[in-house]
C-alpha atoms as a PDB file:
ATOM      1  CA  UNK A   1      92.764 -55.304  39.267  1.00  0.00           C
ATOM      2  CA  UNK A   2      91.722 -56.847  42.589  1.00  0.00           C
ATOM      3  CA  UNK A   3      88.910 -54.310  42.917  1.00  0.00           C
ATOM      4  CA  UNK A   4      87.774 -54.980  39.340  1.00  0.00           C
ATOM      5  CA  UNK A   5      87.750 -58.734  40.016  1.00  0.00           C
ATOM      6  CA  UNK A   6      85.660 -58.440  43.173  1.00  0.00           C
ATOM      7  CA  UNK A   7      83.147 -56.026  41.594  1.00  0.00           C
ATOM      8  CA  UNK A   8      82.789 -58.244  38.520  1.00  0.00           C
ATOM      9  CA  UNK A   9      82.561 -61.346  40.681  1.00  0.00           C
ATOM     10  CA  UNK A  10      79.867 -59.940  42.960  1.00  0.00           C
ATOM     11  CA  UNK A  11      77.835 -58.669  39.999  1.00  0.00           C
ATOM     12  CA  UNK A  12      78.041 -62.087  38.353  1.00  0.00           C
ATOM     13  CA  UNK A  13      77.062 -63.796  41.631  1.00  0.00           C
ATOM     14  CA  UNK A  14      73.930 -61.651  41.963  1.00  0.00           C
ATOM     15  CA  UNK A  15      72.870 -62.176  38.332  1.00  0.00           C
ATOM     16  CA  UNK A  16      73.651 -65.899  38.390  1.00  0.00           C
ATOM     17  CA  UNK A  17      71.856 -66.494  41.686  1.00  0.00           C
ATOM     18  CA  UNK A  18      68.716 -64.847  40.334  1.00  0.00           C
ATOM     19  CA  UNK A  19      68.956 -66.809  37.064  1.00  0.00           C
ATOM     20  CA  UNK A  20      69.396 -70.089  38.942  1.00  0.00           C
ATOM     21  CA  UNK A  21      66.348 -69.458  41.109  1.00  0.00           C
ATOM     22  CA  UNK A  22      64.110 -68.466  38.189  1.00  0.00           C
ATOM     23  CA  UNK A  23      65.215 -71.356  36.016  1.00  0.00           C
ATOM     24  CA  UNK A  24      65.127 -74.022  38.709  1.00  0.00           C
ATOM     25  CA  UNK A  25      61.721 -72.905  40.012  1.00  0.00           C
ATOM     26  CA  UNK A  26      60.224 -73.171  36.532  1.00  0.00           C
ATOM     27  CA  UNK A  27      61.736 -76.625  35.956  1.00  0.00           C
ATOM     28  CA  UNK A  28      60.484 -77.853  39.339  1.00  0.00           C
ATOM     29  CA  UNK A  29      57.022 -76.495  38.619  1.00  0.00           C
ATOM     30  CA  UNK A  30      56.886 -78.300  35.276  1.00  0.00           C
ATOM     31  CA  UNK A  31      57.882 -81.504  37.075  1.00  0.00           C
ATOM     32  CA  UNK A  32      54.902 -80.951  39.444  1.00  0.00           C
ATOM     33  CA  UNK A  33      57.077 -80.440  42.514  1.00  0.00           C
ATOM     34  CA  UNK A  34      54.904 -78.909  45.283  1.00  0.00           C
ATOM     35  CA  UNK A  35      55.454 -75.142  45.605  1.00  0.00           C
ATOM     36  CA  UNK A  36      56.275 -75.433  49.310  1.00  0.00           C
ATOM     37  CA  UNK A  37      59.141 -77.812  48.564  1.00  0.00           C
ATOM     38  CA  UNK A  38      60.323 -75.506  45.774  1.00  0.00           C
ATOM     39  CA  UNK A  39      60.347 -72.529  48.127  1.00  0.00           C
ATOM     40  CA  UNK A  40      62.148 -74.309  50.938  1.00  0.00           C
ATOM     41  CA  UNK A  41      64.795 -75.958  48.771  1.00  0.00           C
ATOM     42  CA  UNK A  42      65.351 -74.444  45.326  1.00  0.00           C
ATOM     43  CA  UNK A  43      64.626 -70.839  46.302  1.00  0.00           C
ATOM     44  CA  UNK A  44      66.306 -71.037  49.716  1.00  0.00           C
ATOM     45  CA  UNK A  45      69.474 -72.629  48.358  1.00  0.00           C
ATOM     46  CA  UNK A  46      69.469 -70.476  45.225  1.00  0.00           C
ATOM     47  CA  UNK A  47      69.220 -67.122  46.983  1.00  0.00           C
ATOM     48  CA  UNK A  48      72.019 -68.142  49.361  1.00  0.00           C
ATOM     49  CA  UNK A  49      74.157 -69.627  46.575  1.00  0.00           C
ATOM     50  CA  UNK A  50      76.516 -66.593  46.370  1.00  0.00           C
ATOM     51  CA  UNK A  51      77.495 -66.932  50.030  1.00  0.00           C
ATOM     52  CA  UNK A  52      77.833 -70.727  49.724  1.00  0.00           C
ATOM     53  CA  UNK A  53      80.009 -70.583  46.611  1.00  0.00           C
ATOM     54  CA  UNK A  54      82.286 -67.885  48.024  1.00  0.00           C
ATOM     55  CA  UNK A  55      82.706 -69.667  51.372  1.00  0.00           C
ATOM     56  CA  UNK A  56      83.485 -73.025  49.734  1.00  0.00           C
ATOM     57  CA  UNK A  57      85.939 -71.536  47.248  1.00  0.00           C
ATOM     58  CA  UNK A  58      87.623 -69.430  49.932  1.00  0.00           C
ATOM     59  CA  UNK A  59      88.056 -72.470  52.182  1.00  0.00           C
ATOM     60  CA  UNK A  60      89.376 -74.490  49.238  1.00  0.00           C
ATOM     61  CA  UNK A  61      91.836 -71.689  48.454  1.00  0.00           C
ATOM     62  CA  UNK A  62      93.190 -71.882  52.004  1.00  0.00           C
ATOM     63  CA  UNK A  63      91.495 -68.708  53.247  1.00  0.00           C
ATOM     64  CA  UNK A  64      89.219 -69.912  56.105  1.00  0.00           C
ATOM     65  CA  UNK A  65      89.062 -66.411  57.580  1.00  0.00           C
ATOM     66  CA  UNK A  66      87.448 -65.175  54.381  1.00  0.00           C
ATOM     67  CA  UNK A  67      85.006 -68.113  54.347  1.00  0.00           C
ATOM     68  CA  UNK A  68      83.873 -67.629  57.959  1.00  0.00           C
ATOM     69  CA  UNK A  69      83.959 -63.837  57.746  1.00  0.00           C
ATOM     70  CA  UNK A  70      81.596 -63.984  54.774  1.00  0.00           C
ATOM     71  CA  UNK A  71      78.923 -65.754  56.857  1.00  0.00           C
ATOM     72  CA  UNK A  72      79.361 -63.774  60.078  1.00  0.00           C
ATOM     73  CA  UNK A  73      79.603 -60.473  58.190  1.00  0.00           C
ATOM     74  CA  UNK A  74      76.538 -61.271  56.067  1.00  0.00           C
ATOM     75  CA  UNK A  75      74.457 -61.935  59.178  1.00  0.00           C
ATOM     76  CA  UNK A  76      75.598 -58.676  60.747  1.00  0.00           C
ATOM     77  CA  UNK A  77      74.877 -56.775  57.530  1.00  0.00           C
ATOM     78  CA  UNK A  78      71.443 -58.357  57.183  1.00  0.00           C
ATOM     79  CA  UNK A  79      70.131 -57.201  60.555  1.00  0.00           C
ATOM     80  CA  UNK A  80      71.697 -53.738  60.316  1.00  0.00           C
ATOM     81  CA  UNK A  81      72.018 -52.097  56.915  1.00  0.00           C
ATOM     82  CA  UNK A  82      69.879 -54.602  54.933  1.00  0.00           C
ATOM     83  CA  UNK A  83      67.002 -54.002  57.370  1.00  0.00           C
ATOM     84  CA  UNK A  84      67.903 -50.383  58.022  1.00  0.00           C
ATOM     85  CA  UNK A  85      67.927 -49.017  54.461  1.00  0.00           C
ATOM     86  CA  UNK A  86      64.416 -50.263  53.473  1.00  0.00           C
ATOM     87  CA  UNK A  87      63.098 -48.826  56.766  1.00  0.00           C
ATOM     88  CA  UNK A  88      64.208 -45.387  55.551  1.00  0.00           C
ATOM     89  CA  UNK A  89      61.641 -45.722  52.743  1.00  0.00           C
ATOM     90  CA  UNK A  90      58.848 -47.104  54.903  1.00  0.00           C
ATOM     91  CA  UNK A  91      58.692 -48.734  58.361  1.00  0.00           C
ATOM     92  CA  UNK A  92      59.345 -52.500  58.293  1.00  0.00           C
ATOM     93  CA  UNK A  93      56.596 -54.437  60.053  1.00  0.00           C
ATOM     94  CA  UNK A  94      57.477 -57.030  62.695  1.00  0.00           C
ATOM     95  CA  UNK A  95      53.974 -58.492  62.804  1.00  0.00           C
ATOM     96  CA  UNK A  96      54.423 -61.084  60.026  1.00  0.00           C
ATOM     97  CA  UNK A  97      53.273 -64.532  61.189  1.00  0.00           C
ATOM     98  CA  UNK A  98      56.125 -66.566  62.661  1.00  0.00           C
ATOM     99  CA  UNK A  99      58.533 -63.619  62.957  1.00  0.00           C
ATOM    100  CA  UNK A 100      59.075 -63.979  66.702  1.00  0.00           C
ATOM    101  CA  UNK A 101      59.548 -67.758  66.520  1.00  0.00           C
ATOM    102  CA  UNK A 102      62.017 -67.462  63.638  1.00  0.00           C
ATOM    103  CA  UNK A 103      63.907 -64.661  65.408  1.00  0.00           C
ATOM    104  CA  UNK A 104      64.212 -66.830  68.515  1.00  0.00           C
ATOM    105  CA  UNK A 105      65.559 -69.693  66.405  1.00  0.00           C
ATOM    106  CA  UNK A 106      68.059 -67.331  64.749  1.00  0.00           C
ATOM    107  CA  UNK A 107      69.374 -66.275  68.169  1.00  0.00           C
ATOM    108  CA  UNK A 108      69.456 -69.897  69.380  1.00  0.00           C
ATOM    109  CA  UNK A 109      71.540 -71.191  66.468  1.00  0.00           C
ATOM    110  CA  UNK A 110      73.908 -68.214  66.761  1.00  0.00           C
ATOM    111  CA  UNK A 111      74.500 -69.230  70.380  1.00  0.00           C
ATOM    112  CA  UNK A 112      74.718 -72.900  69.361  1.00  0.00           C
ATOM    113  CA  UNK A 113      77.469 -72.100  66.872  1.00  0.00           C
ATOM    114  CA  UNK A 114      79.493 -70.164  69.436  1.00  0.00           C
ATOM    115  CA  UNK A 115      79.173 -72.972  72.005  1.00  0.00           C
ATOM    116  CA  UNK A 116      80.142 -75.718  69.542  1.00  0.00           C
ATOM    117  CA  UNK A 117      83.563 -74.477  68.495  1.00  0.00           C
ATOM    118  CA  UNK A 118      86.153 -76.961  69.662  1.00  0.00           C
ATOM    119  CA  UNK A 119      89.394 -75.176  70.437  1.00  0.00           C
ATOM    120  CA  UNK A 120      88.581 -72.277  68.102  1.00  0.00           C
ATOM    121  CA  UNK A 121      87.701 -74.731  65.330  1.00  0.00           C
ATOM    122  CA  UNK A 122      84.429 -75.397  63.530  1.00  0.00           C
ATOM    123  CA  UNK A 123      85.075 -79.057  62.763  1.00  0.00           C
ATOM    124  CA  UNK A 124      83.205 -81.580  60.618  1.00  0.00           C
ATOM    125  CA  UNK A 125      81.125 -82.797  63.577  1.00  0.00           C
ATOM    126  CA  UNK A 126      79.851 -79.272  64.207  1.00  0.00           C
ATOM    127  CA  UNK A 127      79.219 -78.915  60.479  1.00  0.00           C
ATOM    128  CA  UNK A 128      77.158 -82.119  60.548  1.00  0.00           C
ATOM    129  CA  UNK A 129      75.148 -80.862  63.518  1.00  0.00           C
ATOM    130  CA  UNK A 130      74.413 -77.605  61.704  1.00  0.00           C
ATOM    131  CA  UNK A 131      73.245 -79.425  58.562  1.00  0.00           C
ATOM    132  CA  UNK A 132      70.990 -81.711  60.645  1.00  0.00           C
ATOM    133  CA  UNK A 133      69.486 -78.646  62.327  1.00  0.00           C
ATOM    134  CA  UNK A 134      68.881 -77.220  58.854  1.00  0.00           C
ATOM    135  CA  UNK A 135      66.935 -80.352  57.900  1.00  0.00           C
ATOM    136  CA  UNK A 136      64.820 -80.004  61.055  1.00  0.00           C
ATOM    137  CA  UNK A 137      64.221 -76.318  60.341  1.00  0.00           C
ATOM    138  CA  UNK A 138      63.162 -77.012  56.746  1.00  0.00           C
ATOM    139  CA  UNK A 139      60.792 -79.730  57.951  1.00  0.00           C
ATOM    140  CA  UNK A 140      59.240 -77.393  60.506  1.00  0.00           C
ATOM    141  CA  UNK A 141      58.956 -74.642  57.900  1.00  0.00           C
ATOM    142  CA  UNK A 142      57.255 -77.007  55.446  1.00  0.00           C
ATOM    143  CA  UNK A 143      54.689 -77.938  58.074  1.00  0.00           C
ATOM    144  CA  UNK A 144      54.049 -74.290  58.942  1.00  0.00           C
ATOM    145  CA  UNK A 145      53.767 -73.315  55.280  1.00  0.00           C
ATOM    146  CA  UNK A 146      50.974 -75.720  54.404  1.00  0.00           C
ATOM    147  CA  UNK A 147      48.365 -73.135  55.271  1.00  0.00           C
ATOM    148  CA  UNK A 148      49.743 -70.804  52.619  1.00  0.00           C
ATOM    149  CA  UNK A 149      50.180 -73.456  49.918  1.00  0.00           C
ATOM    150  CA  UNK A 150      47.667 -71.829  47.575  1.00  0.00           C
ATOM    151  CA  UNK A 151      49.415 -68.439  47.741  1.00  0.00           C
ATOM    152  CA  UNK A 152      52.775 -70.080  47.180  1.00  0.00           C
ATOM    153  CA  UNK A 153      51.432 -71.995  44.197  1.00  0.00           C
ATOM    154  CA  UNK A 154      50.137 -68.807  42.598  1.00  0.00           C
ATOM    155  CA  UNK A 155      53.477 -67.060  43.211  1.00  0.00           C
ATOM    156  CA  UNK A 156      55.533 -69.882  41.696  1.00  0.00           C
ATOM    157  CA  UNK A 157      53.196 -70.339  38.737  1.00  0.00           C
ATOM    158  CA  UNK A 158      53.447 -66.648  37.910  1.00  0.00           C
ATOM    159  CA  UNK A 159      57.213 -66.996  37.572  1.00  0.00           C
ATOM    160  CA  UNK A 160      57.130 -70.108  35.333  1.00  0.00           C
ATOM    161  CA  UNK A 161      59.153 -69.935  32.115  1.00  0.00           C
ATOM    162  CA  UNK A 162      59.242 -72.102  29.006  1.00  0.00           C
ATOM    163  CA  UNK A 163      61.316 -75.262  29.468  1.00  0.00           C
ATOM    164  CA  UNK A 164      64.186 -74.242  27.116  1.00  0.00           C
ATOM    165  CA  UNK A 165      64.425 -70.824  28.780  1.00  0.00           C
ATOM    166  CA  UNK A 166      64.326 -72.398  32.241  1.00  0.00           C
ATOM    167  CA  UNK A 167      67.100 -74.864  31.378  1.00  0.00           C
ATOM    168  CA  UNK A 168      69.222 -72.115  29.815  1.00  0.00           C
ATOM    169  CA  UNK A 169      68.826 -69.878  32.888  1.00  0.00           C
ATOM    170  CA  UNK A 170      69.667 -72.742  35.238  1.00  0.00           C
ATOM    171  CA  UNK A 171      72.833 -73.627  33.309  1.00  0.00           C
ATOM    172  CA  UNK A 172      73.855 -69.967  33.194  1.00  0.00           C
ATOM    173  CA  UNK A 173      73.199 -69.701  36.924  1.00  0.00           C
ATOM    174  CA  UNK A 174      75.363 -72.692  37.819  1.00  0.00           C
ATOM    175  CA  UNK A 175      78.268 -71.662  35.565  1.00  0.00           C
ATOM    176  CA  UNK A 176      77.960 -68.003  36.537  1.00  0.00           C
ATOM    177  CA  UNK A 177      77.999 -68.793  40.259  1.00  0.00           C
ATOM    178  CA  UNK A 178      81.159 -70.874  39.901  1.00  0.00           C
ATOM    179  CA  UNK A 179      82.920 -68.159  37.880  1.00  0.00           C
ATOM    180  CA  UNK A 180      81.584 -65.313  40.044  1.00  0.00           C
ATOM    181  CA  UNK A 181      82.732 -67.096  43.188  1.00  0.00           C
ATOM    182  CA  UNK A 182      86.210 -67.571  41.749  1.00  0.00           C
ATOM    183  CA  UNK A 183      86.470 -63.914  40.698  1.00  0.00           C
ATOM    184  CA  UNK A 184      85.178 -62.710  44.075  1.00  0.00           C
ATOM    185  CA  UNK A 185      87.559 -64.941  46.036  1.00  0.00           C
ATOM    186  CA  UNK A 186      90.558 -63.959  43.909  1.00  0.00           C
ATOM    187  CA  UNK A 187      89.600 -60.280  44.159  1.00  0.00           C
ATOM    188  CA  UNK A 188      89.154 -60.451  47.927  1.00  0.00           C
ATOM    189  CA  UNK A 189      92.504 -62.170  48.413  1.00  0.00           C
ATOM    190  CA  UNK A 190      94.060 -59.591  46.086  1.00  0.00           C
ATOM    191  CA  UNK A 191      92.640 -56.713  48.118  1.00  0.00           C
ATOM    192  CA  UNK A 192      93.890 -58.320  51.326  1.00  0.00           C
ATOM    193  CA  UNK A 193      97.401 -58.667  49.881  1.00  0.00           C
ATOM    194  CA  UNK A 194      97.530 -55.293  48.107  1.00  0.00           C
ATOM    195  CA  UNK A 195      96.219 -53.133  50.945  1.00  0.00           C
ATOM    196  CA  UNK A 196      97.560 -55.227  53.798  1.00  0.00           C
ATOM    197  CA  UNK A 197      94.101 -56.056  55.166  1.00  0.00           C
ATOM    198  CA  UNK A 198      93.414 -59.332  56.972  1.00  0.00           C
ATOM    199  CA  UNK A 199      91.423 -61.836  54.884  1.00  0.00           C
ATOM    200  CA  UNK A 200      88.848 -62.144  57.650  1.00  0.00           C
ATOM    201  CA  UNK A 201      88.286 -58.357  57.643  1.00  0.00           C
ATOM    202  CA  UNK A 202      87.685 -58.373  53.877  1.00  0.00           C
ATOM    203  CA  UNK A 203      85.232 -61.256  54.318  1.00  0.00           C
ATOM    204  CA  UNK A 204      83.419 -59.529  57.177  1.00  0.00           C
ATOM    205  CA  UNK A 205      82.915 -56.318  55.218  1.00  0.00           C
ATOM    206  CA  UNK A 206      83.350 -56.080  51.443  1.00  0.00           C
ATOM    207  CA  UNK A 207      82.501 -59.669  50.523  1.00  0.00           C
ATOM    208  CA  UNK A 208      79.757 -60.021  53.139  1.00  0.00           C
ATOM    209  CA  UNK A 209      77.963 -56.881  51.998  1.00  0.00           C
ATOM    210  CA  UNK A 210      78.370 -57.832  48.350  1.00  0.00           C
ATOM    211  CA  UNK A 211      76.875 -61.295  48.793  1.00  0.00           C
ATOM    212  CA  UNK A 212      74.005 -59.744  50.792  1.00  0.00           C
ATOM    213  CA  UNK A 213      72.945 -57.541  47.862  1.00  0.00           C
ATOM    214  CA  UNK A 214      70.129 -59.951  46.822  1.00  0.00           C
ATOM    215  CA  UNK A 215      68.594 -59.606  50.287  1.00  0.00           C
ATOM    216  CA  UNK A 216      68.882 -55.811  50.075  1.00  0.00           C
ATOM    217  CA  UNK A 217      67.220 -55.792  46.650  1.00  0.00           C
ATOM    218  CA  UNK A 218      64.434 -58.050  47.942  1.00  0.00           C
ATOM    219  CA  UNK A 219      63.891 -55.822  50.981  1.00  0.00           C
ATOM    220  CA  UNK A 220      63.658 -52.619  48.953  1.00  0.00           C
ATOM    221  CA  UNK A 221      61.374 -54.314  46.401  1.00  0.00           C
ATOM    222  CA  UNK A 222      59.088 -55.530  49.204  1.00  0.00           C
ATOM    223  CA  UNK A 223      58.816 -51.998  50.599  1.00  0.00           C
ATOM    224  CA  UNK A 224      58.086 -50.466  47.188  1.00  0.00           C
ATOM    225  CA  UNK A 225      55.358 -53.093  46.647  1.00  0.00           C
ATOM    226  CA  UNK A 226      53.941 -52.225  50.081  1.00  0.00           C
ATOM    227  CA  UNK A 227      54.801 -55.717  51.346  1.00  0.00           C
ATOM    228  CA  UNK A 228      57.192 -54.397  53.958  1.00  0.00           C
ATOM    229  CA  UNK A 229      56.188 -57.092  56.428  1.00  0.00           C
ATOM    230  CA  UNK A 230      57.852 -59.669  54.185  1.00  0.00           C
ATOM    231  CA  UNK A 231      61.314 -58.096  54.471  1.00  0.00           C
ATOM    232  CA  UNK A 232      61.946 -59.218  58.054  1.00  0.00           C
ATOM    233  CA  UNK A 233      61.096 -62.830  57.206  1.00  0.00           C
ATOM    234  CA  UNK A 234      63.532 -62.855  54.299  1.00  0.00           C
ATOM    235  CA  UNK A 235      66.336 -61.483  56.482  1.00  0.00           C
ATOM    236  CA  UNK A 236      65.796 -63.888  59.373  1.00  0.00           C
ATOM    237  CA  UNK A 237      65.486 -66.834  56.981  1.00  0.00           C
ATOM    238  CA  UNK A 238      68.706 -65.823  55.238  1.00  0.00           C
ATOM    239  CA  UNK A 239      70.590 -65.575  58.540  1.00  0.00           C
ATOM    240  CA  UNK A 240      69.384 -68.997  59.642  1.00  0.00           C
ATOM    241  CA  UNK A 241      70.402 -70.532  56.330  1.00  0.00           C
ATOM    242  CA  UNK A 242      73.791 -68.786  56.406  1.00  0.00           C
ATOM    243  CA  UNK A 243      74.731 -70.497  59.675  1.00  0.00           C
ATOM    244  CA  UNK A 244      73.074 -73.880  59.221  1.00  0.00           C
ATOM    245  CA  UNK A 245      73.449 -74.338  55.481  1.00  0.00           C
ATOM    246  CA  UNK A 246      76.465 -72.369  54.310  1.00  0.00           C
ATOM    247  CA  UNK A 247      78.659 -72.723  57.379  1.00  0.00           C
ATOM    248  CA  UNK A 248      77.484 -76.292  57.988  1.00  0.00           C
ATOM    249  CA  UNK A 249      78.173 -77.457  54.428  1.00  0.00           C
ATOM    250  CA  UNK A 250      81.510 -75.624  54.257  1.00  0.00           C
ATOM    251  CA  UNK A 251      82.683 -77.119  57.567  1.00  0.00           C
ATOM    252  CA  UNK A 252      81.729 -80.608  56.382  1.00  0.00           C
ATOM    253  CA  UNK A 253      84.256 -80.287  53.554  1.00  0.00           C
ATOM    254  CA  UNK A 254      86.789 -77.922  55.126  1.00  0.00           C
ATOM    255  CA  UNK A 255      87.028 -77.648  58.948  1.00  0.00           C
ATOM    256  CA  UNK A 256      87.349 -73.932  59.697  1.00  0.00           C
ATOM    257  CA  UNK A 257      89.792 -72.482  62.239  1.00  0.00           C
ATOM    258  CA  UNK A 258      88.363 -69.433  64.013  1.00  0.00           C
ATOM    259  CA  UNK A 259      90.564 -66.429  64.731  1.00  0.00           C
ATOM    260  CA  UNK A 260      90.534 -65.240  68.346  1.00  0.00           C
ATOM    261  CA  UNK A 261      89.320 -61.798  67.243  1.00  0.00           C
ATOM    262  CA  UNK A 262      86.467 -63.342  65.266  1.00  0.00           C
ATOM    263  CA  UNK A 263      85.372 -65.490  68.207  1.00  0.00           C
ATOM    264  CA  UNK A 264      85.676 -62.768  70.842  1.00  0.00           C
ATOM    265  CA  UNK A 265      84.292 -59.794  68.879  1.00  0.00           C
ATOM    266  CA  UNK A 266      82.579 -60.413  65.543  1.00  0.00           C
ATOM    267  CA  UNK A 267      80.607 -63.505  66.532  1.00  0.00           C
ATOM    268  CA  UNK A 268      79.384 -61.672  69.611  1.00  0.00           C
ATOM    269  CA  UNK A 269      78.288 -58.749  67.444  1.00  0.00           C
ATOM    270  CA  UNK A 270      76.421 -61.228  65.238  1.00  0.00           C
ATOM    271  CA  UNK A 271      74.730 -62.686  68.327  1.00  0.00           C
ATOM    272  CA  UNK A 272      73.849 -59.295  69.844  1.00  0.00           C
ATOM    273  CA  UNK A 273      72.374 -57.940  66.595  1.00  0.00           C
ATOM    274  CA  UNK A 274      70.274 -61.107  66.237  1.00  0.00           C
ATOM    275  CA  UNK A 275      69.125 -60.768  69.855  1.00  0.00           C
ATOM    276  CA  UNK A 276      68.257 -57.132  69.180  1.00  0.00           C
ATOM    277  CA  UNK A 277      65.777 -58.178  66.459  1.00  0.00           C
ATOM    278  CA  UNK A 278      64.165 -60.705  68.828  1.00  0.00           C
ATOM    279  CA  UNK A 279      63.804 -58.072  71.565  1.00  0.00           C
ATOM    280  CA  UNK A 280      62.234 -55.681  69.064  1.00  0.00           C
ATOM    281  CA  UNK A 281      59.501 -58.229  68.215  1.00  0.00           C
ATOM    282  CA  UNK A 282      58.390 -57.978  71.861  1.00  0.00           C
ATOM    283  CA  UNK A 283      58.995 -54.232  72.202  1.00  0.00           C
ATOM    284  CA  UNK A 284      57.405 -52.809  69.042  1.00  0.00           C
ATOM    285  CA  UNK A 285      55.473 -53.806  65.931  1.00  0.00           C
ATOM    286  CA  UNK A 286      57.736 -52.091  63.390  1.00  0.00           C
ATOM    287  CA  UNK A 287      61.222 -50.864  62.576  1.00  0.00           C
ATOM    288  CA  UNK A 288      60.802 -47.103  62.304  1.00  0.00           C
ATOM    289  CA  UNK A 289      62.792 -44.728  60.107  1.00  0.00           C
ATOM    290  CA  UNK A 290      64.742 -43.554  63.157  1.00  0.00           C
ATOM    291  CA  UNK A 291      65.661 -47.149  63.995  1.00  0.00           C
ATOM    292  CA  UNK A 292      66.583 -47.663  60.344  1.00  0.00           C
ATOM    293  CA  UNK A 293      68.984 -44.708  60.518  1.00  0.00           C
ATOM    294  CA  UNK A 294      70.568 -46.070  63.709  1.00  0.00           C
ATOM    295  CA  UNK A 295      70.959 -49.560  62.201  1.00  0.00           C
ATOM    296  CA  UNK A 296      72.503 -48.186  58.994  1.00  0.00           C
ATOM    297  CA  UNK A 297      74.931 -45.870  60.784  1.00  0.00           C
ATOM    298  CA  UNK A 298      75.828 -48.666  63.184  1.00  0.00           C
ATOM    299  CA  UNK A 299      76.806 -50.880  60.281  1.00  0.00           C
ATOM    300  CA  UNK A 300      79.057 -48.222  58.741  1.00  0.00           C
ATOM    301  CA  UNK A 301      80.792 -47.759  62.094  1.00  0.00           C
ATOM    302  CA  UNK A 302      81.308 -51.526  62.327  1.00  0.00           C
ATOM    303  CA  UNK A 303      82.789 -51.689  58.797  1.00  0.00           C
ATOM    304  CA  UNK A 304      85.215 -48.816  59.466  1.00  0.00           C
ATOM    305  CA  UNK A 305      86.401 -50.355  62.742  1.00  0.00           C
ATOM    306  CA  UNK A 306      86.691 -53.850  61.209  1.00  0.00           C
ATOM    307  CA  UNK A 307      88.754 -52.616  58.245  1.00  0.00           C
ATOM    308  CA  UNK A 308      91.024 -50.447  60.398  1.00  0.00           C
ATOM    309  CA  UNK A 309      91.589 -53.359  62.756  1.00  0.00           C
ATOM    310  CA  UNK A 310      92.231 -55.624  59.766  1.00  0.00           C
ATOM    311  CA  UNK A 311      94.907 -53.257  58.491  1.00  0.00           C
ATOM    312  CA  UNK A 312      96.498 -53.062  61.937  1.00  0.00           C
ATOM    313  CA  UNK A 313      96.863 -56.839  61.969  1.00  0.00           C
END
């Protein structure tokens, strides 16, 4: 039953997140909200809504290890298997404008998070700092995106729906996210209890990969549309938002204790994988199929070790 709950919950999260984005974008467009603002707020928050809902509900349910593991595990998954699998279809370009700057910022905030834990605790003050950094990042992104305003406007306009359909999708998205988050959290806690796996290990692996499915779908779609340079930007942006937005907002409501293992191993893996992407932007102009294989296999090794260690504890 726990497995059924988590599969149903993750499926509902993916569907609801997509519905929320499509509906909210159309409503914002009809209200004449600038496309740049739509992209940086509605789309950014909407695509990360599954992670946010799961982390908040897990923290509320008294499972901080699941909440934090979801974010850390999602970031690790994003720069390994979520980048690696699309590269097996076609090389992922690292030449997209702003990739190196965004990768540097991703590494910097990963380090910032690790240096701002007070006694193995991500407290409300750290959460506030992360949210403020998110506001600065969104402002910088808005300024950088002005040059591509016309392209963004065409993209948003193409997705516009009728007002009743947009409202219906938005309502479905909000309700579906709440229900999907509850099912996923209950399923994850059930798996942890049934199989004797630590909550943090379930969050780092099963839940993290499940909530990263939208990014995987976007990456594969970008490759199939021969827009493989876009994939890296989506991944880096998602990782930045996971730390600043999801972890920041969650910590504002529920200060998160950090397990010693998480702080000494998993967060360092998150940092090293982020640093690896930054180094690659200087070293090469693409993620080759061979690199994609290495990234994908590396993620499977990480999952196996994390689950085995979770069972041992």
